[in-house]
Amino acid sequence: MGAIFPFFFFPFSGVLVPVLIVGIVFWYKAREKEIQAQQELRIREMEHQRKMKELEVELEKAKAQQAGSKA
């Protein structure tokens, strides 16, 4: 039985190795796309926070001008 196992295994290994390599390559590419998407999302989030802070400053300026004109 020990001599039959290697001969039985080789045909499957000839098919499994390319399938495994293709699977690893697709997984790697998908992982790269996921990381890139996360980076882009983080950049957008930071830009949004910056814009919100700018709007808060403008709002405070407008309130100060309005309070100054009433007094």
N, C-alpha and C. Protein backbone atom coordinates (compact mmCIF):
# COMPACT_ATOMS: atom_id res chain seq x y z
N MET A 1 0.83 -1.18 0.00
CA MET A 1 0.00 0.00 0.00
C MET A 1 0.87 1.25 0.00
N GLY A 2 2.03 1.22 0.66
CA GLY A 2 2.90 2.38 0.71
C GLY A 2 3.41 2.78 -0.66
N ALA A 3 3.58 1.83 -1.57
CA ALA A 3 4.09 2.15 -2.90
C ALA A 3 2.99 2.74 -3.79
N ILE A 4 1.73 2.46 -3.48
CA ILE A 4 0.63 2.97 -4.30
C ILE A 4 0.38 4.44 -4.02
N PHE A 5 0.57 4.89 -2.80
CA PHE A 5 0.25 6.26 -2.40
C PHE A 5 0.99 7.31 -3.23
N PRO A 6 2.31 7.22 -3.41
CA PRO A 6 2.97 8.27 -4.21
C PRO A 6 2.46 8.33 -5.64
N PHE A 7 2.19 7.20 -6.26
CA PHE A 7 1.70 7.21 -7.64
C PHE A 7 0.28 7.76 -7.72
N PHE A 8 -0.48 7.56 -6.70
CA PHE A 8 -1.84 8.09 -6.65
C PHE A 8 -1.82 9.60 -6.37
N PHE A 9 -0.85 10.06 -5.62
CA PHE A 9 -0.79 11.46 -5.21
C PHE A 9 -0.26 12.37 -6.31
N PHE A 10 0.67 11.91 -7.13
CA PHE A 10 1.30 12.76 -8.14
C PHE A 10 0.32 13.37 -9.15
N PRO A 11 -0.63 12.65 -9.68
CA PRO A 11 -1.56 13.30 -10.62
C PRO A 11 -2.35 14.44 -9.95
N PHE A 12 -2.73 14.23 -8.71
CA PHE A 12 -3.48 15.28 -8.01
C PHE A 12 -2.58 16.47 -7.68
N SER A 13 -1.33 16.21 -7.35
CA SER A 13 -0.43 17.31 -7.04
C SER A 13 -0.15 18.14 -8.29
N GLY A 14 -0.14 17.50 -9.46
CA GLY A 14 0.07 18.23 -10.71
C GLY A 14 -1.08 19.18 -11.01
N VAL A 15 -2.26 18.87 -10.51
CA VAL A 15 -3.42 19.73 -10.71
C VAL A 15 -3.52 20.75 -9.55
N LEU A 16 -3.23 20.30 -8.36
CA LEU A 16 -3.40 21.16 -7.19
C LEU A 16 -2.39 22.30 -7.12
N VAL A 17 -1.18 22.08 -7.54
CA VAL A 17 -0.16 23.13 -7.45
C VAL A 17 -0.53 24.35 -8.29
N PRO A 18 -0.89 24.20 -9.57
CA PRO A 18 -1.30 25.39 -10.33
C PRO A 18 -2.55 26.06 -9.74
N VAL A 19 -3.50 25.24 -9.29
CA VAL A 19 -4.71 25.80 -8.68
C VAL A 19 -4.35 26.59 -7.43
N LEU A 20 -3.46 26.07 -6.64
CA LEU A 20 -3.01 26.75 -5.42
C LEU A 20 -2.29 28.05 -5.77
N ILE A 21 -1.45 28.02 -6.76
CA ILE A 21 -0.71 29.23 -7.16
C ILE A 21 -1.68 30.30 -7.66
N VAL A 22 -2.64 29.92 -8.50
CA VAL A 22 -3.62 30.87 -9.01
C VAL A 22 -4.45 31.43 -7.85
N GLY A 23 -4.82 30.58 -6.92
CA GLY A 23 -5.59 31.03 -5.75
C GLY A 23 -4.82 32.04 -4.91
N ILE A 24 -3.55 31.79 -4.70
CA ILE A 24 -2.73 32.71 -3.92
C ILE A 24 -2.59 34.04 -4.65
N VAL A 25 -2.38 34.01 -5.97
CA VAL A 25 -2.24 35.25 -6.74
C VAL A 25 -3.53 36.06 -6.66
N PHE A 26 -4.70 35.42 -6.84
CA PHE A 26 -5.97 36.14 -6.76
C PHE A 26 -6.18 36.70 -5.37
N TRP A 27 -5.85 35.94 -4.33
CA TRP A 27 -6.01 36.42 -2.96
C TRP A 27 -5.11 37.64 -2.72
N TYR A 28 -3.89 37.60 -3.22
CA TYR A 28 -2.95 38.70 -3.04
C TYR A 28 -3.46 39.97 -3.73
N LYS A 29 -3.97 39.82 -4.96
CA LYS A 29 -4.49 40.97 -5.69
C LYS A 29 -5.73 41.54 -4.99
N ALA A 30 -6.59 40.68 -4.50
CA ALA A 30 -7.79 41.13 -3.80
C ALA A 30 -7.39 41.86 -2.52
N ARG A 31 -6.39 41.37 -1.83
CA ARG A 31 -5.92 42.01 -0.61
C ARG A 31 -5.34 43.39 -0.91
N GLU A 32 -4.59 43.50 -1.99
CA GLU A 32 -4.03 44.81 -2.39
C GLU A 32 -5.14 45.80 -2.69
N LYS A 33 -6.19 45.36 -3.40
CA LYS A 33 -7.32 46.23 -3.71
C LYS A 33 -8.03 46.67 -2.43
N GLU A 34 -8.17 45.75 -1.49
CA GLU A 34 -8.83 46.08 -0.23
C GLU A 34 -8.03 47.12 0.54
N ILE A 35 -6.72 46.95 0.60
CA ILE A 35 -5.87 47.92 1.30
C ILE A 35 -5.94 49.28 0.61
N GLN A 36 -5.92 49.30 -0.71
CA GLN A 36 -6.00 50.55 -1.45
C GLN A 36 -7.34 51.24 -1.19
N ALA A 37 -8.42 50.48 -1.17
CA ALA A 37 -9.74 51.05 -0.91
C ALA A 37 -9.80 51.63 0.50
N GLN A 38 -9.20 50.96 1.46
CA GLN A 38 -9.18 51.48 2.83
C GLN A 38 -8.38 52.78 2.91
N GLN A 39 -7.27 52.85 2.19
CA GLN A 39 -6.46 54.07 2.19
C GLN A 39 -7.22 55.23 1.57
N GLU A 40 -7.92 54.96 0.46
CA GLU A 40 -8.70 56.01 -0.19
C GLU A 40 -9.83 56.49 0.72
N LEU A 41 -10.46 55.55 1.41
CA LEU A 41 -11.53 55.91 2.33
C LEU A 41 -11.00 56.77 3.47
N ARG A 42 -9.84 56.43 3.97
CA ARG A 42 -9.24 57.21 5.06
C ARG A 42 -8.88 58.61 4.57
N ILE A 43 -8.37 58.73 3.36
CA ILE A 43 -8.04 60.05 2.80
C ILE A 43 -9.31 60.89 2.67
N ARG A 44 -10.38 60.28 2.16
CA ARG A 44 -11.66 61.01 2.04
C ARG A 44 -12.17 61.44 3.41
N GLU A 45 -12.04 60.57 4.39
CA GLU A 45 -12.49 60.89 5.74
C GLU A 45 -11.70 62.09 6.31
N MET A 46 -10.40 62.09 6.08
CA MET A 46 -9.57 63.19 6.57
C MET A 46 -9.93 64.50 5.86
N GLU A 47 -10.19 64.43 4.55
CA GLU A 47 -10.60 65.63 3.81
C GLU A 47 -11.94 66.14 4.32
N HIS A 48 -12.85 65.24 4.61
CA HIS A 48 -14.15 65.63 5.13
C HIS A 48 -14.00 66.31 6.49
N GLN A 49 -13.17 65.76 7.36
CA GLN A 49 -12.95 66.37 8.67
C GLN A 49 -12.34 67.76 8.52
N ARG A 50 -11.43 67.92 7.59
CA ARG A 50 -10.82 69.24 7.37
C ARG A 50 -11.86 70.24 6.90
N LYS A 51 -12.72 69.82 5.97
CA LYS A 51 -13.78 70.71 5.48
C LYS A 51 -14.76 71.07 6.59
N MET A 52 -15.08 70.12 7.44
CA MET A 52 -15.99 70.39 8.55
C MET A 52 -15.38 71.41 9.52
N LYS A 53 -14.09 71.29 9.79
CA LYS A 53 -13.42 72.26 10.66
C LYS A 53 -13.42 73.65 10.03
N GLU A 54 -13.19 73.71 8.72
CA GLU A 54 -13.22 75.00 8.03
C GLU A 54 -14.62 75.62 8.12
N LEU A 55 -15.64 74.80 7.96
CA LEU A 55 -17.02 75.31 8.06
C LEU A 55 -17.32 75.79 9.48
N GLU A 56 -16.81 75.09 10.48
CA GLU A 56 -17.01 75.53 11.87
C GLU A 56 -16.35 76.89 12.10
N VAL A 57 -15.16 77.09 11.56
CA VAL A 57 -14.46 78.36 11.72
C VAL A 57 -15.26 79.47 11.03
N GLU A 58 -15.75 79.19 9.83
CA GLU A 58 -16.55 80.19 9.12
C GLU A 58 -17.83 80.51 9.88
N LEU A 59 -18.45 79.51 10.45
CA LEU A 59 -19.67 79.71 11.23
C LEU A 59 -19.39 80.58 12.45
N GLU A 60 -18.29 80.31 13.13
CA GLU A 60 -17.91 81.12 14.29
C GLU A 60 -17.65 82.57 13.88
N LYS A 61 -17.01 82.76 12.74
CA LYS A 61 -16.75 84.12 12.23
C LYS A 61 -18.06 84.84 11.94
N ALA A 62 -18.99 84.12 11.30
CA ALA A 62 -20.28 84.71 10.97
C ALA A 62 -21.05 85.07 12.24
N LYS A 63 -21.00 84.21 13.23
CA LYS A 63 -21.67 84.51 14.51
C LYS A 63 -21.03 85.72 15.18
N ALA A 64 -19.71 85.81 15.12
CA ALA A 64 -19.02 86.93 15.74
C ALA A 64 -19.36 88.23 15.01
N GLN A 65 -19.44 88.20 13.70
CA GLN A 65 -19.80 89.39 12.94
C GLN A 65 -21.24 89.80 13.23
N GLN A 66 -22.12 88.82 13.33
CA GLN A 66 -23.52 89.10 13.61
C GLN A 66 -23.67 89.69 15.00
N ALA A 67 -22.96 89.13 15.97
CA ALA A 67 -23.00 89.65 17.34
C ALA A 67 -22.40 91.05 17.38
N GLY A 68 -21.36 91.30 16.61
CA GLY A 68 -20.71 92.61 16.57
C GLY A 68 -21.60 93.66 15.93
N SER A 69 -22.39 93.29 14.95
CA SER A 69 -23.24 94.27 14.28
C SER A 69 -24.48 94.61 15.12
N LYS A 70 -24.90 93.69 16.00
CA LYS A 70 -26.04 93.95 16.87
C LYS A 70 -25.67 94.87 18.02
N ALA A 71 -24.41 94.79 18.43
CA ALA A 71 -24.02 95.58 19.59
C ALA A 71 -23.78 97.03 19.30
